């Protein structure tokens, strides 16, 4: 096994909720800072492929009737409402520039954390992965919940790429990055991760 493969052998990249309903202006669950990070998320995926790091695409796909949606969002699934990230809808698709390829893994979630009521932890354990790199939207919700669960599950290293994650405002983003750093999460820019992480 090559040295580069060994260095990244136990690492996975999670790309969270980079879907049209979250990223495109006018989307029903639009995250204001989302569009700005798309180029960095694309670069993070490219770097992961170069390093032969497994890529896990974490997406929301909901029942069009909203039966699997959080209670506070169910009003968005009424007959005359937009039904965000409904399974099979255009809004549930990844944004342009992000493509699931052979060998990647797609994980569907219906709550904030990628670990909640999914088999992500079992998948990662089976693959021998104990280090996670996190990208996507949005920082106070799905990013934070996934990161806190990863820390609670004793993943050896959790890294959040700060300029490949976003929230509705820079202040909200920065406050949540600060909170995650305070529980031992590595917070790196994309450039720092590409150059120095190991």
Protein backbone atom coordinates (compact mmCIF):
# COMPACT_ATOMS: atom_id res chain seq x y z
CA UNK A 1 0.00 0.00 0.00
CA UNK A 2 1.36 3.45 -0.95
CA UNK A 3 2.30 5.90 1.81
CA UNK A 4 -0.51 8.30 0.80
CA UNK A 5 -3.06 5.49 1.03
CA UNK A 6 -1.83 4.56 4.51
CA UNK A 7 -1.92 8.18 5.68
CA UNK A 8 -5.60 8.58 4.78
CA UNK A 9 -6.69 4.96 5.24
CA UNK A 10 -8.95 5.62 8.24
CA UNK A 11 -10.47 8.92 7.05
CA UNK A 12 -13.78 9.70 5.33
CA UNK A 13 -15.15 12.94 3.89
CA UNK A 14 -18.80 13.74 4.65
CA UNK A 15 -20.58 16.12 2.28
CA UNK A 16 -23.78 17.17 4.01
CA UNK A 17 -26.97 18.53 2.42
CA UNK A 18 -25.41 20.19 -0.63
CA UNK A 19 -28.76 19.96 -2.37
CA UNK A 20 -30.56 22.47 -4.57
CA UNK A 21 -33.34 23.24 -2.07
CA UNK A 22 -30.68 24.32 0.46
CA UNK A 23 -28.21 26.02 -1.88
CA UNK A 24 -30.18 27.73 -4.65
CA UNK A 25 -31.62 31.19 -3.89
CA UNK A 26 -35.38 30.87 -3.69
CA UNK A 27 -35.19 27.29 -2.47
CA UNK A 28 -37.73 26.51 0.27
CA UNK A 29 -34.97 25.84 2.84
CA UNK A 30 -32.35 28.17 1.35
CA UNK A 31 -29.18 28.69 3.40
CA UNK A 32 -27.87 32.16 2.56
CA UNK A 33 -24.18 31.22 2.88
CA UNK A 34 -24.52 27.95 0.96
CA UNK A 35 -23.84 29.05 -2.62
CA UNK A 36 -20.55 30.70 -1.65
CA UNK A 37 -19.04 27.44 -0.39
CA UNK A 38 -19.85 25.29 -3.42
CA UNK A 39 -16.41 25.82 -5.05
CA UNK A 40 -14.63 24.80 -1.84
CA UNK A 41 -16.82 21.75 -1.37
CA UNK A 42 -16.01 20.75 -4.97
CA UNK A 43 -12.29 21.19 -4.19
CA UNK A 44 -12.58 19.18 -0.97
CA UNK A 45 -14.18 16.32 -2.92
CA UNK A 46 -11.44 16.51 -5.55
CA UNK A 47 -8.77 16.41 -2.83
CA UNK A 48 -10.48 13.46 -1.15
CA UNK A 49 -10.51 11.58 -4.45
CA UNK A 50 -6.81 12.37 -4.96
CA UNK A 51 -6.06 11.02 -1.48
CA UNK A 52 -8.34 8.01 -2.04
CA UNK A 53 -10.48 9.06 0.92
CA UNK A 54 -13.99 7.57 0.85
CA UNK A 55 -16.70 10.16 0.17
CA UNK A 56 -20.03 9.92 1.93
CA UNK A 57 -22.82 12.02 0.45
CA UNK A 58 -25.26 12.76 3.26
CA UNK A 59 -28.58 13.99 1.91
CA UNK A 60 -32.11 14.65 3.06
CA UNK A 61 -34.80 12.86 1.06
CA UNK A 62 -38.26 13.11 2.51
CA UNK A 63 -41.57 11.47 1.87
CA UNK A 64 -43.56 13.96 -0.29
CA UNK A 65 -46.36 13.89 2.29
CA UNK A 66 -43.93 14.84 5.06
CA UNK A 67 -44.55 11.77 7.18
CA UNK A 68 -40.85 11.46 8.07
CA UNK A 69 -40.16 15.17 8.62
CA UNK A 70 -39.54 16.91 11.94
CA UNK A 71 -42.78 18.16 13.48
CA UNK A 72 -41.76 21.81 13.14
CA UNK A 73 -41.35 21.41 9.35
CA UNK A 74 -44.48 19.43 8.52
CA UNK A 75 -46.38 22.54 7.44
CA UNK A 76 -44.00 22.73 4.43
CA UNK A 77 -45.47 19.45 3.10
CA UNK A 78 -49.12 20.48 2.91
CA UNK A 79 -50.83 20.14 -0.48
CA UNK A 80 -50.00 23.70 -1.60
CA UNK A 81 -46.50 23.86 -0.10
CA UNK A 82 -43.02 23.31 -1.63
CA UNK A 83 -42.16 19.94 0.04
CA UNK A 84 -38.38 20.52 0.43
CA UNK A 85 -35.98 17.75 -0.63
CA UNK A 86 -38.80 15.35 -1.40
CA UNK A 87 -37.52 12.06 -2.75
CA UNK A 88 -37.14 12.27 -6.54
CA UNK A 89 -37.59 16.05 -6.69
CA UNK A 90 -35.24 18.50 -8.40
CA UNK A 91 -34.69 20.20 -5.05
CA UNK A 92 -33.29 16.98 -3.57
CA UNK A 93 -30.57 16.78 -6.25
CA UNK A 94 -27.00 17.77 -5.51
CA UNK A 95 -25.98 21.19 -6.78
CA UNK A 96 -24.10 21.43 -10.07
CA UNK A 97 -20.44 20.48 -9.73
CA UNK A 98 -21.05 17.75 -7.15
CA UNK A 99 -21.45 14.24 -8.51
CA UNK A 100 -21.76 10.88 -6.78
CA UNK A 101 -19.34 8.48 -8.48
CA UNK A 102 -18.85 4.74 -8.37
CA UNK A 103 -17.34 3.79 -5.04
CA UNK A 104 -18.88 6.76 -3.20
CA UNK A 105 -21.53 6.16 -0.57
CA UNK A 106 -24.89 7.92 -0.38
CA UNK A 107 -26.59 8.13 3.00
CA UNK A 108 -30.15 9.41 3.37
CA UNK A 109 -31.13 11.06 6.64
CA UNK A 110 -34.35 12.64 7.85
CA UNK A 111 -33.02 14.55 10.85
CA UNK A 112 -30.16 16.96 11.55
CA UNK A 113 -27.51 14.41 12.50
CA UNK A 114 -26.17 12.02 9.88
CA UNK A 115 -25.94 9.47 12.71
CA UNK A 116 -29.53 9.73 13.97
CA UNK A 117 -31.61 6.72 12.94
CA UNK A 118 -29.19 5.79 10.14
CA UNK A 119 -26.56 3.09 9.77
CA UNK A 120 -23.66 5.58 9.29
CA UNK A 121 -21.80 4.52 12.44
CA UNK A 122 -21.99 0.83 11.49
CA UNK A 123 -20.82 1.60 7.97
CA UNK A 124 -17.85 3.61 9.23
CA UNK A 125 -16.90 0.98 11.80
CA UNK A 126 -17.04 -1.73 9.17
CA UNK A 127 -14.77 0.31 6.90
CA UNK A 128 -12.28 0.93 9.72
CA UNK A 129 -12.84 4.69 9.61
CA UNK A 130 -12.15 6.66 12.79
CA UNK A 131 -11.42 10.13 11.35
CA UNK A 132 -14.06 12.35 9.75
CA UNK A 133 -13.80 15.49 7.65
CA UNK A 134 -17.02 17.51 7.45
CA UNK A 135 -18.29 19.85 4.72
CA UNK A 136 -21.72 21.21 3.76
CA UNK A 137 -24.66 23.05 5.31
CA UNK A 138 -25.75 24.25 7.62
CA UNK A 139 -23.37 24.85 10.49
CA UNK A 140 -25.79 25.22 13.45
CA UNK A 141 -28.00 22.31 12.45
CA UNK A 142 -26.82 19.32 10.42
CA UNK A 143 -23.10 20.08 10.65
CA UNK A 144 -23.12 20.69 14.39
CA UNK A 145 -25.39 17.74 15.24
CA UNK A 146 -23.34 15.34 13.13
CA UNK A 147 -20.09 16.61 14.65
CA UNK A 148 -21.35 16.40 18.24
CA UNK A 149 -22.58 12.85 17.64
CA UNK A 150 -19.22 11.88 16.09
CA UNK A 151 -17.43 13.23 19.17
CA UNK A 152 -19.86 11.40 21.47
CA UNK A 153 -19.17 8.20 19.52
CA UNK A 154 -15.41 8.66 20.11
CA UNK A 155 -14.21 9.17 16.56
CA UNK A 156 -10.47 9.78 16.94
CA UNK A 157 -10.42 12.99 14.91
CA UNK A 158 -13.20 15.17 13.59
CA UNK A 159 -12.29 18.05 11.29
CA UNK A 160 -14.68 20.74 10.06
CA UNK A 161 -13.53 22.64 6.98
CA UNK A 162 -14.62 26.14 7.98
CA UNK A 163 -14.76 27.59 4.46
CA UNK A 164 -16.55 24.54 3.05
CA UNK A 165 -19.36 24.79 5.62
CA UNK A 166 -21.89 27.62 5.96
CA UNK A 167 -24.87 29.04 7.80
CA UNK A 168 -27.48 31.74 7.28
CA UNK A 169 -25.08 34.42 8.55
CA UNK A 170 -21.32 34.62 9.17
CA UNK A 171 -21.94 35.30 12.87
CA UNK A 172 -23.99 32.12 13.31
CA UNK A 173 -21.34 30.15 11.41
CA UNK A 174 -18.45 31.51 13.48
CA UNK A 175 -20.24 30.96 16.79
CA UNK A 176 -20.90 27.31 15.96
CA UNK A 177 -17.34 26.75 14.71
CA UNK A 178 -16.15 28.18 18.04
CA UNK A 179 -18.40 25.78 19.97
CA UNK A 180 -17.15 22.79 17.98
CA UNK A 181 -13.51 23.79 18.48
CA UNK A 182 -14.19 23.88 22.22
CA UNK A 183 -15.08 20.17 22.23
CA UNK A 184 -11.84 19.17 20.49
CA UNK A 185 -12.91 19.39 16.86
CA UNK A 186 -10.23 20.52 14.41
CA UNK A 187 -11.36 23.60 12.51
CA UNK A 188 -9.34 24.14 9.34
CA UNK A 189 -9.62 26.14 6.16
CA UNK A 190 -9.64 24.14 2.96
CA UNK A 191 -6.10 25.31 2.21
CA UNK A 192 -4.89 24.20 5.66
CA UNK A 193 -6.53 20.80 5.27
CA UNK A 194 -5.09 20.29 1.78
CA UNK A 195 -1.56 21.29 2.85
CA UNK A 196 -1.11 20.12 6.39
CA UNK A 197 -3.67 17.60 7.55
CA UNK A 198 -2.64 14.05 8.11
